[in-house]
Structure formats: structure tokens, C-alpha cells
Amino acid sequence: MSTDVKTTTTPPRRGAERPGRPKGTPRRGERREAWFLVLPALVPIALFSVYPLIQGVYLGFTDAEAGLNQTADFVGLENFERLLGNDMFWNSFRIGLVWAFSVTILQFFAGLGLALLLNLDLRLRWLARTLALVPWAMPPVIVAIMWRLMLNPNYGPINGWMDAIGLPGDINWLGSFSTALPAVIVVGVWAGMPQTTITLLAGLQSVDATLHEAAAVDGASTWQRFRHITMPSLKPVIVAITSLDFIWNFNSFGLVYVLTAGGPGGKTMLPMLFAYNEAFRYGNFGYAAAMGDVMVVLIVVLLLFYLRSRFRKEA
């Protein structure tokens, strides 16, 4: 005698996961709702960031000039051909690389030393951390004006201090060919060091303290623990902050413009200052935009290297 067993299948409840759909995958309706929620934030970005960027890139392929009722004609790669033969542009490019590398490297070492100091259990540590953020909170123009006063050859306090200890006290820091770029680099390091310090300090506080304790029990010195525990743990943070610092420093404009405006004799003429002069002093908007296009390409390449290193670390 055989009995037939009837099997009944109940339809999936509404909202339950369908067979074959990966767990956690949003449904089509949820994706549509997410787009509607993100759209108010995407519209300002597209209008005020993406569109001006595209317009600026296109402007580099035209002969746009300043003036009323001026028409901009498409000239292809003509502006870029002029750039290839412009020694002043390549000189500004070289100065920009020297400036960016020098400021970024010095910011890293100074920020790392200050971060190690602020990571110690010292009295009034909260006050020291607050004061370390002061240069970051000040606008670049204010920082530049303050340092111009301090570096003034006639009444600046820096020359006064040097004269008091027996050193030459009549140095024209921002007006001499030999001291202008080093002086600007020092100001750039002072102004940009806080973000490097705070980032490295956050990385130091995320290092597992038990690793240091175990290494100390095994007889490792302070330098050995710093070299084999602290620095490897900070490596992702170091790659991130130095990459971003280099991009920020290479694009620097306001600080150097107020300090020297590219002088003396072009010794501090960064690429952005050169493009600014071509656009707003000489009215060559298309030619200046071509310089900006070159800067965009360089920054994109740097970002690709940075993202590649980040993804490789995560993998």
C-alpha cells in the first residue's frame, strides 16, 4: 500500500530574498530610492565641480583671450605645442616639483616628530595638541602676511634675533635669489604640518600597545620597536598623507602668491602662479587653461599611483 505525499510550496514572502540573489544585494526599487536620495548632493557637485572642470579642460584647446565680445576658436594642440617650447613654463614646473617634494618631505619628518611627542603621556598634552592645530586653522593669506612681517629685512623679528646672537641681521629673505625659495619652503612646512601631525598621531594611537609590550619584554630597544612595529603599522597612513600632501603642495597658490608673487626673478614661480599670470595679467585664457590641463593630467597620474597603492594594501 503506497501513500502519496503531497508537498506544498509556500510562495516567498514579500521582501524576502529571492533564490539566486546574493544576500545583501539591494532590490531595484531600493537602488532607485538610493539614487533619489543621492541626487540632491550630486547636482551641486556636477554644476560647481564637474562642469567647470570640463569647461576648463576644453578651454585649453581654444584661443580664448580676455576682452568683451571675444570669440574662442578651437585650435587643437596649438597651446600645448607652445608650452613644449616655453622654457619659463618648464622652469616653473621644475620649481614646483622642488617646492612640492621639499615641503612634503619636511612636513612628514616634522609632523612625525611632533606626533610622537604628542603621543606621550605628558602634562597639558591637550593644550599642546590644540596649539598644534593653530597653523591649520589660519587662512593661507593671513599666514603669508604674518611671515612676510617676520621675514622683513628692516624690522622683522627674525633678523633681530639673528643680530642679537651675532649672526648677519640684514638678510632679505624673500627678496634674495639664494634665500627666497628656502624661506618659502619653511613657511609652507609650518603652514601644512598640522594636518600631517594629526593624521600620524591618529595612526600612532591605533598601533596595538601589546606589540610594544611584548617586544620590550623580549629585550627590543626603543629604536627597534619604532622601526619594526611603529613604522610598519603607520605605512598605510604615511602613503596616504604624503600623497595628499604632495598634491596639495604642488597646487599651492595663495601662500606663495602673497609671500613673493613668484619673485624675485621667477625663483619662486610655481606652475599655478605662471598660469595665473598668463590668464589674468596677460589675458591668455586658452594658453593658461592648457597649463591647467597639464596640471590635471599630472594630478590624475599621482592619484592613480595613490589609489593603486591603497587597493594593493587592502588586497
C-alpha atoms as a PDB file:
ATOM      1  CA  MET A   1       0.000   0.000   0.000  1.00  0.00           C
ATOM      2  CA  SER A   2       1.504   3.278  -1.066  1.00  0.00           C
ATOM      3  CA  THR A   3       0.688   6.690   0.179  1.00  0.00           C
ATOM      4  CA  ASP A   4       1.120   9.777  -1.904  1.00  0.00           C
ATOM      5  CA  VAL A   5       2.840  12.550  -0.031  1.00  0.00           C
ATOM      6  CA  LYS A   6       1.773  15.916  -1.260  1.00  0.00           C
ATOM      7  CA  THR A   7       4.337  18.624  -0.981  1.00  0.00           C
ATOM      8  CA  THR A   8       3.228  22.179  -0.934  1.00  0.00           C
ATOM      9  CA  THR A   9       5.453  25.097  -1.562  1.00  0.00           C
ATOM     10  CA  THR A  10       4.674  28.390   0.009  1.00  0.00           C
ATOM     11  CA  PRO A  11       5.438  31.484  -2.068  1.00  0.00           C
ATOM     12  CA  PRO A  12       8.207  33.655  -0.707  1.00  0.00           C
ATOM     13  CA  ARG A  13       7.052  36.427   1.466  1.00  0.00           C
ATOM     14  CA  ARG A  14       7.141  39.909   0.136  1.00  0.00           C
ATOM     15  CA  GLY A  15      10.524  41.466   0.785  1.00  0.00           C
ATOM     16  CA  ALA A  16      12.238  38.086   1.353  1.00  0.00           C
ATOM     17  CA  GLU A  17      15.432  37.240  -0.507  1.00  0.00           C
ATOM     18  CA  ARG A  18      14.827  35.520  -3.830  1.00  0.00           C
ATOM     19  CA  PRO A  19      16.777  32.345  -4.677  1.00  0.00           C
ATOM     20  CA  GLY A  20      19.864  33.192  -6.667  1.00  0.00           C
ATOM     21  CA  ARG A  21      20.159  36.760  -5.395  1.00  0.00           C
ATOM     22  CA  PRO A  22      23.274  37.370  -3.307  1.00  0.00           C
ATOM     23  CA  LYS A  23      22.491  38.157   0.283  1.00  0.00           C
ATOM     24  CA  GLY A  24      22.503  41.878   0.927  1.00  0.00           C
ATOM     25  CA  THR A  25      22.010  42.864  -2.729  1.00  0.00           C
ATOM     26  CA  PRO A  26      19.559  45.804  -2.912  1.00  0.00           C
ATOM     27  CA  ARG A  27      16.417  45.360  -4.964  1.00  0.00           C
ATOM     28  CA  ARG A  28      15.718  47.525  -7.982  1.00  0.00           C
ATOM     29  CA  GLY A  29      13.318  49.697  -6.053  1.00  0.00           C
ATOM     30  CA  GLU A  30      15.850  50.236  -3.291  1.00  0.00           C
ATOM     31  CA  ARG A  31      18.500  51.252  -5.807  1.00  0.00           C
ATOM     32  CA  ARG A  32      16.090  53.744  -7.346  1.00  0.00           C
ATOM     33  CA  GLU A  33      15.320  55.209  -3.944  1.00  0.00           C
ATOM     34  CA  ALA A  34      19.045  55.457  -3.171  1.00  0.00           C
ATOM     35  CA  TRP A  35      19.618  57.420  -6.384  1.00  0.00           C
ATOM     36  CA  PHE A  36      16.853  59.840  -5.442  1.00  0.00           C
ATOM     37  CA  LEU A  37      18.455  60.353  -2.028  1.00  0.00           C
ATOM     38  CA  VAL A  38      21.929  60.948  -3.501  1.00  0.00           C
ATOM     39  CA  LEU A  39      20.725  63.180  -6.344  1.00  0.00           C
ATOM     40  CA  PRO A  40      20.463  66.419  -4.282  1.00  0.00           C
ATOM     41  CA  ALA A  41      24.140  66.053  -3.397  1.00  0.00           C
ATOM     42  CA  LEU A  42      25.226  65.104  -6.924  1.00  0.00           C
ATOM     43  CA  VAL A  43      23.601  68.088  -8.633  1.00  0.00           C
ATOM     44  CA  PRO A  44      25.736  70.783  -6.885  1.00  0.00           C
ATOM     45  CA  ILE A  45      28.863  68.683  -7.455  1.00  0.00           C
ATOM     46  CA  ALA A  46      28.065  68.375 -11.155  1.00  0.00           C
ATOM     47  CA  LEU A  47      27.256  72.078 -11.523  1.00  0.00           C
ATOM     48  CA  PHE A  48      30.068  73.584  -9.490  1.00  0.00           C
ATOM     49  CA  SER A  49      32.843  70.993  -9.846  1.00  0.00           C
ATOM     50  CA  VAL A  50      32.444  68.654 -12.800  1.00  0.00           C
ATOM     51  CA  TYR A  51      31.092  71.158 -15.337  1.00  0.00           C
ATOM     52  CA  PRO A  52      33.719  73.871 -14.619  1.00  0.00           C
ATOM     53  CA  LEU A  53      36.425  71.207 -14.822  1.00  0.00           C
ATOM     54  CA  ILE A  54      35.208  70.020 -18.224  1.00  0.00           C
ATOM     55  CA  GLN A  55      34.827  73.608 -19.411  1.00  0.00           C
ATOM     56  CA  GLY A  56      38.342  74.454 -18.237  1.00  0.00           C
ATOM     57  CA  VAL A  57      39.835  71.418 -19.970  1.00  0.00           C
ATOM     58  CA  TYR A  58      38.086  72.355 -23.214  1.00  0.00           C
ATOM     59  CA  LEU A  59      39.254  75.964 -22.869  1.00  0.00           C
ATOM     60  CA  GLY A  60      42.834  74.721 -23.135  1.00  0.00           C
ATOM     61  CA  PHE A  61      42.152  73.696 -26.728  1.00  0.00           C
ATOM     62  CA  THR A  62      40.941  77.165 -27.746  1.00  0.00           C
ATOM     63  CA  ASP A  63      42.497  80.572 -28.333  1.00  0.00           C
ATOM     64  CA  ALA A  64      40.305  82.319 -25.739  1.00  0.00           C
ATOM     65  CA  GLU A  65      41.538  85.746 -24.661  1.00  0.00           C
ATOM     66  CA  ALA A  66      40.357  88.412 -22.246  1.00  0.00           C
ATOM     67  CA  GLY A  67      38.052  91.117 -23.528  1.00  0.00           C
ATOM     68  CA  LEU A  68      34.455  91.846 -24.376  1.00  0.00           C
ATOM     69  CA  ASN A  69      32.803  90.107 -27.329  1.00  0.00           C
ATOM     70  CA  GLN A  70      35.839  87.851 -27.835  1.00  0.00           C
ATOM     71  CA  THR A  71      35.202  84.597 -29.656  1.00  0.00           C
ATOM     72  CA  ALA A  72      37.094  81.437 -28.729  1.00  0.00           C
ATOM     73  CA  ASP A  73      38.013  79.195 -31.674  1.00  0.00           C
ATOM     74  CA  PHE A  74      39.134  75.615 -31.395  1.00  0.00           C
ATOM     75  CA  VAL A  75      42.878  75.400 -32.118  1.00  0.00           C
ATOM     76  CA  GLY A  76      43.579  71.786 -31.189  1.00  0.00           C
ATOM     77  CA  LEU A  77      47.013  71.175 -29.682  1.00  0.00           C
ATOM     78  CA  GLU A  78      48.451  74.561 -30.566  1.00  0.00           C
ATOM     79  CA  ASN A  79      48.579  75.760 -26.959  1.00  0.00           C
ATOM     80  CA  PHE A  80      50.336  72.586 -25.885  1.00  0.00           C
ATOM     81  CA  GLU A  81      52.902  72.977 -28.646  1.00  0.00           C
ATOM     82  CA  ARG A  82      53.631  76.466 -27.302  1.00  0.00           C
ATOM     83  CA  LEU A  83      54.052  75.002 -23.838  1.00  0.00           C
ATOM     84  CA  LEU A  84      56.631  72.492 -25.069  1.00  0.00           C
ATOM     85  CA  GLY A  85      58.805  75.350 -26.295  1.00  0.00           C
ATOM     86  CA  ASN A  86      58.272  77.663 -23.338  1.00  0.00           C
ATOM     87  CA  ASP A  87      61.363  77.482 -21.139  1.00  0.00           C
ATOM     88  CA  MET A  88      59.729  79.650 -18.476  1.00  0.00           C
ATOM     89  CA  PHE A  89      56.919  77.137 -18.061  1.00  0.00           C
ATOM     90  CA  TRP A  90      59.329  74.216 -17.719  1.00  0.00           C
ATOM     91  CA  ASN A  91      61.362  76.230 -15.243  1.00  0.00           C
ATOM     92  CA  SER A  92      58.227  76.885 -13.187  1.00  0.00           C
ATOM     93  CA  PHE A  93      57.427  73.185 -13.427  1.00  0.00           C
ATOM     94  CA  ARG A  94      60.876  72.336 -12.064  1.00  0.00           C
ATOM     95  CA  ILE A  95      60.493  74.852  -9.233  1.00  0.00           C
ATOM     96  CA  GLY A  96      57.057  73.415  -8.464  1.00  0.00           C
ATOM     97  CA  LEU A  97      58.488  69.907  -8.149  1.00  0.00           C
ATOM     98  CA  VAL A  98      61.314  71.137  -5.910  1.00  0.00           C
ATOM     99  CA  TRP A  99      58.795  73.021  -3.773  1.00  0.00           C
ATOM    100  CA  ALA A 100      56.318  70.116  -3.560  1.00  0.00           C
ATOM    101  CA  PHE A 101      58.905  67.433  -2.760  1.00  0.00           C
ATOM    102  CA  SER A 102      60.782  69.589  -0.247  1.00  0.00           C
ATOM    103  CA  VAL A 103      57.685  70.743   1.622  1.00  0.00           C
ATOM    104  CA  THR A 104      56.124  67.263   1.623  1.00  0.00           C
ATOM    105  CA  ILE A 105      59.258  65.530   2.937  1.00  0.00           C
ATOM    106  CA  LEU A 106      59.932  68.155   5.606  1.00  0.00           C
ATOM    107  CA  GLN A 107      56.263  68.162   6.621  1.00  0.00           C
ATOM    108  CA  PHE A 108      56.403  64.407   7.081  1.00  0.00           C
ATOM    109  CA  PHE A 109      59.506  64.334   9.283  1.00  0.00           C
ATOM    110  CA  ALA A 110      58.451  67.368  11.319  1.00  0.00           C
ATOM    111  CA  GLY A 111      54.901  66.032  11.651  1.00  0.00           C
ATOM    112  CA  LEU A 112      56.150  62.578  12.651  1.00  0.00           C
ATOM    113  CA  GLY A 113      58.396  64.010  15.361  1.00  0.00           C
ATOM    114  CA  LEU A 114      55.620  66.196  16.723  1.00  0.00           C
ATOM    115  CA  ALA A 115      53.121  63.313  16.564  1.00  0.00           C
ATOM    116  CA  LEU A 116      55.483  61.073  18.554  1.00  0.00           C
ATOM    117  CA  LEU A 117      55.843  63.844  21.131  1.00  0.00           C
ATOM    118  CA  LEU A 118      52.109  64.447  21.387  1.00  0.00           C
ATOM    119  CA  ASN A 119      51.507  60.698  21.730  1.00  0.00           C
ATOM    120  CA  LEU A 120      53.436  60.629  25.007  1.00  0.00           C
ATOM    121  CA  ASP A 121      51.639  60.897  28.322  1.00  0.00           C
ATOM    122  CA  LEU A 122      52.714  64.440  29.146  1.00  0.00           C
ATOM    123  CA  ARG A 123      51.140  67.133  31.264  1.00  0.00           C
ATOM    124  CA  LEU A 124      48.942  69.611  29.352  1.00  0.00           C
ATOM    125  CA  ARG A 125      49.008  67.315  26.348  1.00  0.00           C
ATOM    126  CA  TRP A 126      45.545  68.508  25.362  1.00  0.00           C
ATOM    127  CA  LEU A 127      46.824  72.079  25.177  1.00  0.00           C
ATOM    128  CA  ALA A 128      49.799  71.086  23.034  1.00  0.00           C
ATOM    129  CA  ARG A 129      47.515  69.213  20.624  1.00  0.00           C
ATOM    130  CA  THR A 130      45.275  72.249  20.366  1.00  0.00           C
ATOM    131  CA  LEU A 131      48.182  74.597  19.680  1.00  0.00           C
ATOM    132  CA  ALA A 132      49.483  72.217  17.008  1.00  0.00           C
ATOM    133  CA  LEU A 133      46.303  72.901  15.011  1.00  0.00           C
ATOM    134  CA  VAL A 134      46.696  76.689  15.036  1.00  0.00           C
ATOM    135  CA  PRO A 135      48.572  76.992  11.691  1.00  0.00           C
ATOM    136  CA  TRP A 136      45.958  74.765  10.054  1.00  0.00           C
ATOM    137  CA  ALA A 137      43.104  76.944  11.331  1.00  0.00           C
ATOM    138  CA  MET A 138      44.613  80.140   9.902  1.00  0.00           C
ATOM    139  CA  PRO A 139      43.846  81.150   6.284  1.00  0.00           C
ATOM    140  CA  PRO A 140      46.881  80.906   3.955  1.00  0.00           C
ATOM    141  CA  VAL A 141      46.729  84.641   3.212  1.00  0.00           C
ATOM    142  CA  ILE A 142      46.955  85.501   6.922  1.00  0.00           C
ATOM    143  CA  VAL A 143      49.829  83.054   7.342  1.00  0.00           C
ATOM    144  CA  ALA A 144      51.674  84.632   4.410  1.00  0.00           C
ATOM    145  CA  ILE A 145      51.168  88.188   5.710  1.00  0.00           C
ATOM    146  CA  MET A 146      52.368  87.186   9.164  1.00  0.00           C
ATOM    147  CA  TRP A 147      55.517  85.550   7.781  1.00  0.00           C
ATOM    148  CA  ARG A 148      56.210  88.487   5.476  1.00  0.00           C
ATOM    149  CA  LEU A 149      56.303  90.714   8.528  1.00  0.00           C
ATOM    150  CA  MET A 150      58.546  88.295  10.391  1.00  0.00           C
ATOM    151  CA  LEU A 151      60.945  87.960   7.429  1.00  0.00           C
ATOM    152  CA  ASN A 152      61.080  91.675   6.673  1.00  0.00           C
ATOM    153  CA  PRO A 153      64.761  92.685   6.275  1.00  0.00           C
ATOM    154  CA  ASN A 154      64.336  96.032   8.045  1.00  0.00           C
ATOM    155  CA  TYR A 155      62.074  95.430  11.045  1.00  0.00           C
ATOM    156  CA  GLY A 156      61.388  91.690  11.017  1.00  0.00           C
ATOM    157  CA  PRO A 157      61.934  89.886  14.337  1.00  0.00           C
ATOM    158  CA  ILE A 158      63.862  87.026  12.684  1.00  0.00           C
ATOM    159  CA  ASN A 159      66.664  89.347  11.577  1.00  0.00           C
ATOM    160  CA  GLY A 160      66.528  90.980  15.011  1.00  0.00           C
ATOM    161  CA  TRP A 161      67.024  87.614  16.729  1.00  0.00           C
ATOM    162  CA  MET A 162      69.888  86.726  14.396  1.00  0.00           C
ATOM    163  CA  ASP A 163      71.573  90.064  15.050  1.00  0.00           C
ATOM    164  CA  ALA A 164      71.210  89.525  18.798  1.00  0.00           C
ATOM    165  CA  ILE A 165      73.173  86.252  18.682  1.00  0.00           C
ATOM    166  CA  GLY A 166      75.889  87.623  16.413  1.00  0.00           C
ATOM    167  CA  LEU A 167      74.649  86.375  13.027  1.00  0.00           C
ATOM    168  CA  PRO A 168      74.028  88.588   9.973  1.00  0.00           C
ATOM    169  CA  GLY A 169      70.820  90.501  10.668  1.00  0.00           C
ATOM    170  CA  ASP A 170      70.278  92.221   7.318  1.00  0.00           C
ATOM    171  CA  ILE A 171      69.205  89.260   5.150  1.00  0.00           C
ATOM    172  CA  ASN A 172      66.453  89.932   2.630  1.00  0.00           C
ATOM    173  CA  TRP A 173      64.848  86.529   2.991  1.00  0.00           C
ATOM    174  CA  LEU A 174      62.095  86.920   0.385  1.00  0.00           C
ATOM    175  CA  GLY A 175      63.973  89.264  -1.949  1.00  0.00           C
ATOM    176  CA  SER A 176      67.255  87.424  -2.455  1.00  0.00           C
ATOM    177  CA  PHE A 177      67.779  84.852  -5.195  1.00  0.00           C
ATOM    178  CA  SER A 178      69.515  82.442  -2.821  1.00  0.00           C
ATOM    179  CA  THR A 179      67.095  82.607   0.117  1.00  0.00           C
ATOM    180  CA  ALA A 180      63.661  83.217  -1.415  1.00  0.00           C
ATOM    181  CA  LEU A 181      62.778  79.604  -2.246  1.00  0.00           C
ATOM    182  CA  PRO A 182      64.164  78.124   1.021  1.00  0.00           C
ATOM    183  CA  ALA A 183      62.279  80.756   3.024  1.00  0.00           C
ATOM    184  CA  VAL A 184      59.032  79.996   1.193  1.00  0.00           C
ATOM    185  CA  ILE A 185      59.575  76.263   1.749  1.00  0.00           C
ATOM    186  CA  VAL A 186      59.953  76.853   5.512  1.00  0.00           C
ATOM    187  CA  VAL A 187      56.693  78.802   5.558  1.00  0.00           C
ATOM    188  CA  GLY A 188      54.969  76.045   3.579  1.00  0.00           C
ATOM    189  CA  VAL A 189      56.169  73.414   6.038  1.00  0.00           C
ATOM    190  CA  TRP A 190      54.942  75.453   9.016  1.00  0.00           C
ATOM    191  CA  ALA A 191      51.545  76.072   7.439  1.00  0.00           C
ATOM    192  CA  GLY A 192      50.913  72.487   6.310  1.00  0.00           C
ATOM    193  CA  MET A 193      52.455  70.495   9.150  1.00  0.00           C
ATOM    194  CA  PRO A 194      49.335  70.284  11.392  1.00  0.00           C
ATOM    195  CA  GLN A 195      47.284  68.003   9.110  1.00  0.00           C
ATOM    196  CA  THR A 196      50.274  65.677   8.752  1.00  0.00           C
ATOM    197  CA  THR A 197      50.793  65.686  12.523  1.00  0.00           C
ATOM    198  CA  ILE A 198      47.164  64.944  13.354  1.00  0.00           C
ATOM    199  CA  THR A 199      46.953  62.159  10.753  1.00  0.00           C
ATOM    200  CA  LEU A 200      50.123  60.482  12.005  1.00  0.00           C
ATOM    201  CA  LEU A 201      49.001  60.937  15.609  1.00  0.00           C
ATOM    202  CA  ALA A 202      45.760  59.112  14.814  1.00  0.00           C
ATOM    203  CA  GLY A 203      47.816  56.330  13.224  1.00  0.00           C
ATOM    204  CA  LEU A 204      50.065  56.096  16.291  1.00  0.00           C
ATOM    205  CA  GLN A 205      47.074  55.753  18.586  1.00  0.00           C
ATOM    206  CA  SER A 206      45.790  52.833  16.511  1.00  0.00           C
ATOM    207  CA  VAL A 207      49.010  50.813  16.961  1.00  0.00           C
ATOM    208  CA  ASP A 208      48.431  47.856  19.285  1.00  0.00           C
ATOM    209  CA  ALA A 209      50.215  48.593  22.573  1.00  0.00           C
ATOM    210  CA  THR A 210      50.590  44.886  23.353  1.00  0.00           C
ATOM    211  CA  LEU A 211      53.042  44.561  20.473  1.00  0.00           C
ATOM    212  CA  HIS A 212      55.324  47.133  22.087  1.00  0.00           C
ATOM    213  CA  GLU A 213      54.962  45.456  25.468  1.00  0.00           C
ATOM    214  CA  ALA A 214      55.840  42.037  24.058  1.00  0.00           C
ATOM    215  CA  ALA A 215      58.824  43.443  22.166  1.00  0.00           C
ATOM    216  CA  ALA A 216      60.057  45.258  25.292  1.00  0.00           C
ATOM    217  CA  VAL A 217      59.834  42.001  27.281  1.00  0.00           C
ATOM    218  CA  ASP A 218      61.935  40.314  24.579  1.00  0.00           C
ATOM    219  CA  GLY A 219      64.598  42.977  25.027  1.00  0.00           C
ATOM    220  CA  ALA A 220      63.907  45.180  21.988  1.00  0.00           C
ATOM    221  CA  SER A 221      65.182  48.745  22.261  1.00  0.00           C
ATOM    222  CA  THR A 222      63.072  51.828  21.644  1.00  0.00           C
ATOM    223  CA  TRP A 223      64.558  52.277  18.169  1.00  0.00           C
ATOM    224  CA  GLN A 224      63.952  48.614  17.290  1.00  0.00           C
ATOM    225  CA  ARG A 225      60.329  48.855  18.384  1.00  0.00           C
ATOM    226  CA  PHE A 226      59.893  52.059  16.412  1.00  0.00           C
ATOM    227  CA  ARG A 227      61.479  50.532  13.307  1.00  0.00           C
ATOM    228  CA  HIS A 228      59.832  47.117  13.330  1.00  0.00           C
ATOM    229  CA  ILE A 229      56.441  47.869  14.922  1.00  0.00           C
ATOM    230  CA  THR A 230      55.539  51.545  14.697  1.00  0.00           C
ATOM    231  CA  MET A 231      56.676  52.305  11.142  1.00  0.00           C
ATOM    232  CA  PRO A 232      55.159  49.174   9.507  1.00  0.00           C
ATOM    233  CA  SER A 233      51.869  49.901  11.283  1.00  0.00           C
ATOM    234  CA  LEU A 234      51.968  53.511  10.052  1.00  0.00           C
ATOM    235  CA  LYS A 235      52.834  52.619   6.454  1.00  0.00           C
ATOM    236  CA  PRO A 236      49.262  52.918   5.039  1.00  0.00           C
ATOM    237  CA  VAL A 237      48.801  56.236   6.844  1.00  0.00           C
ATOM    238  CA  ILE A 238      52.182  57.513   5.617  1.00  0.00           C
ATOM    239  CA  VAL A 239      51.407  56.620   1.997  1.00  0.00           C
ATOM    240  CA  ALA A 240      48.033  58.343   2.205  1.00  0.00           C
ATOM    241  CA  ILE A 241      49.102  61.587   3.875  1.00  0.00           C
ATOM    242  CA  THR A 242      52.312  62.064   1.860  1.00  0.00           C
ATOM    243  CA  SER A 243      50.446  61.513  -1.413  1.00  0.00           C
ATOM    244  CA  LEU A 244      47.761  64.015  -0.487  1.00  0.00           C
ATOM    245  CA  ASP A 245      50.338  66.485   0.856  1.00  0.00           C
ATOM    246  CA  PHE A 246      52.268  66.352  -2.411  1.00  0.00           C
ATOM    247  CA  ILE A 247      49.126  67.059  -4.439  1.00  0.00           C
ATOM    248  CA  TRP A 248      48.111  69.931  -2.139  1.00  0.00           C
ATOM    249  CA  ASN A 249      51.597  71.422  -2.166  1.00  0.00           C
ATOM    250  CA  PHE A 250      52.002  71.162  -5.924  1.00  0.00           C
ATOM    251  CA  ASN A 251      48.708  73.019  -6.351  1.00  0.00           C
ATOM    252  CA  SER A 252      49.670  75.673  -3.806  1.00  0.00           C
ATOM    253  CA  PHE A 253      48.907  79.225  -4.896  1.00  0.00           C
ATOM    254  CA  GLY A 254      47.721  81.686  -2.254  1.00  0.00           C
ATOM    255  CA  LEU A 255      50.583  81.258   0.204  1.00  0.00           C
ATOM    256  CA  VAL A 256      53.384  81.771  -2.328  1.00  0.00           C
ATOM    257  CA  TYR A 257      51.491  84.478  -4.199  1.00  0.00           C
ATOM    258  CA  VAL A 258      51.186  86.658  -1.106  1.00  0.00           C
ATOM    259  CA  LEU A 259      54.754  85.955   0.012  1.00  0.00           C
ATOM    260  CA  THR A 260      56.659  86.595  -3.228  1.00  0.00           C
ATOM    261  CA  ALA A 261      54.213  86.610  -6.191  1.00  0.00           C
ATOM    262  CA  GLY A 262      56.727  84.351  -7.938  1.00  0.00           C
ATOM    263  CA  GLY A 263      59.763  86.600  -7.444  1.00  0.00           C
ATOM    264  CA  PRO A 264      62.491  87.511  -7.228  1.00  0.00           C
ATOM    265  CA  GLY A 265      63.296  86.873 -10.863  1.00  0.00           C
ATOM    266  CA  GLY A 266      60.952  83.885 -11.048  1.00  0.00           C
ATOM    267  CA  LYS A 267      62.820  81.946  -8.336  1.00  0.00           C
ATOM    268  CA  THR A 268      59.536  81.036  -6.647  1.00  0.00           C
ATOM    269  CA  MET A 269      57.342  80.945  -9.769  1.00  0.00           C
ATOM    270  CA  LEU A 270      55.213  77.852  -9.240  1.00  0.00           C
ATOM    271  CA  PRO A 271      53.196  76.443 -12.177  1.00  0.00           C
ATOM    272  CA  MET A 272      49.932  77.759 -10.743  1.00  0.00           C
ATOM    273  CA  LEU A 273      51.424  81.250 -10.421  1.00  0.00           C
ATOM    274  CA  PHE A 274      52.644  81.078 -14.004  1.00  0.00           C
ATOM    275  CA  ALA A 275      49.198  80.068 -15.242  1.00  0.00           C
ATOM    276  CA  TYR A 276      47.610  82.837 -13.134  1.00  0.00           C
ATOM    277  CA  ASN A 277      49.860  85.464 -14.705  1.00  0.00           C
ATOM    278  CA  GLU A 278      49.135  84.225 -18.214  1.00  0.00           C
ATOM    279  CA  ALA A 279      45.392  84.312 -17.594  1.00  0.00           C
ATOM    280  CA  PHE A 280      44.788  87.439 -15.508  1.00  0.00           C
ATOM    281  CA  ARG A 281      47.833  89.571 -16.263  1.00  0.00           C
ATOM    282  CA  TYR A 282      48.263  88.895 -19.973  1.00  0.00           C
ATOM    283  CA  GLY A 283      44.718  87.735 -20.807  1.00  0.00           C
ATOM    284  CA  ASN A 284      45.703  84.436 -22.474  1.00  0.00           C
ATOM    285  CA  PHE A 285      42.888  82.341 -21.082  1.00  0.00           C
ATOM    286  CA  GLY A 286      43.257  79.464 -23.530  1.00  0.00           C
ATOM    287  CA  TYR A 287      47.010  79.240 -23.047  1.00  0.00           C
ATOM    288  CA  ALA A 288      46.642  79.361 -19.257  1.00  0.00           C
ATOM    289  CA  ALA A 289      43.931  76.697 -19.377  1.00  0.00           C
ATOM    290  CA  ALA A 290      46.318  74.451 -21.322  1.00  0.00           C
ATOM    291  CA  MET A 291      48.759  74.768 -18.433  1.00  0.00           C
ATOM    292  CA  GLY A 292      45.947  73.803 -16.106  1.00  0.00           C
ATOM    293  CA  ASP A 293      45.226  70.757 -18.270  1.00  0.00           C
ATOM    294  CA  VAL A 294      48.825  69.638 -17.861  1.00  0.00           C
ATOM    295  CA  MET A 295      48.464  70.026 -14.102  1.00  0.00           C
ATOM    296  CA  VAL A 296      45.243  67.994 -14.152  1.00  0.00           C
ATOM    297  CA  VAL A 297      46.950  65.152 -16.031  1.00  0.00           C
ATOM    298  CA  LEU A 298      49.828  65.134 -13.564  1.00  0.00           C
ATOM    299  CA  ILE A 299      47.479  65.111 -10.573  1.00  0.00           C
ATOM    300  CA  VAL A 300      45.413  62.280 -12.080  1.00  0.00           C
ATOM    301  CA  VAL A 301      48.579  60.221 -12.565  1.00  0.00           C
ATOM    302  CA  LEU A 302      49.561  60.841  -8.943  1.00  0.00           C
ATOM    303  CA  LEU A 303      46.073  59.886  -7.770  1.00  0.00           C
ATOM    304  CA  LEU A 304      46.251  56.653  -9.786  1.00  0.00           C
ATOM    305  CA  PHE A 305      49.522  55.732  -8.082  1.00  0.00           C
ATOM    306  CA  TYR A 306      47.997  56.565  -4.715  1.00  0.00           C
ATOM    307  CA  LEU A 307      44.807  54.558  -5.314  1.00  0.00           C
ATOM    308  CA  ARG A 308      46.830  51.658  -6.703  1.00  0.00           C
ATOM    309  CA  SER A 309      48.925  51.506  -3.560  1.00  0.00           C
ATOM    310  CA  ARG A 310      45.818  51.722  -1.360  1.00  0.00           C
ATOM    311  CA  PHE A 311      43.998  48.953  -3.217  1.00  0.00           C
ATOM    312  CA  ARG A 312      47.115  46.792  -3.128  1.00  0.00           C
ATOM    313  CA  LYS A 313      47.327  47.228   0.659  1.00  0.00           C
ATOM    314  CA  GLU A 314      43.662  46.355   1.087  1.00  0.00           C
ATOM    315  CA  ALA A 315      44.021  43.286  -1.140  1.00  0.00           C
END
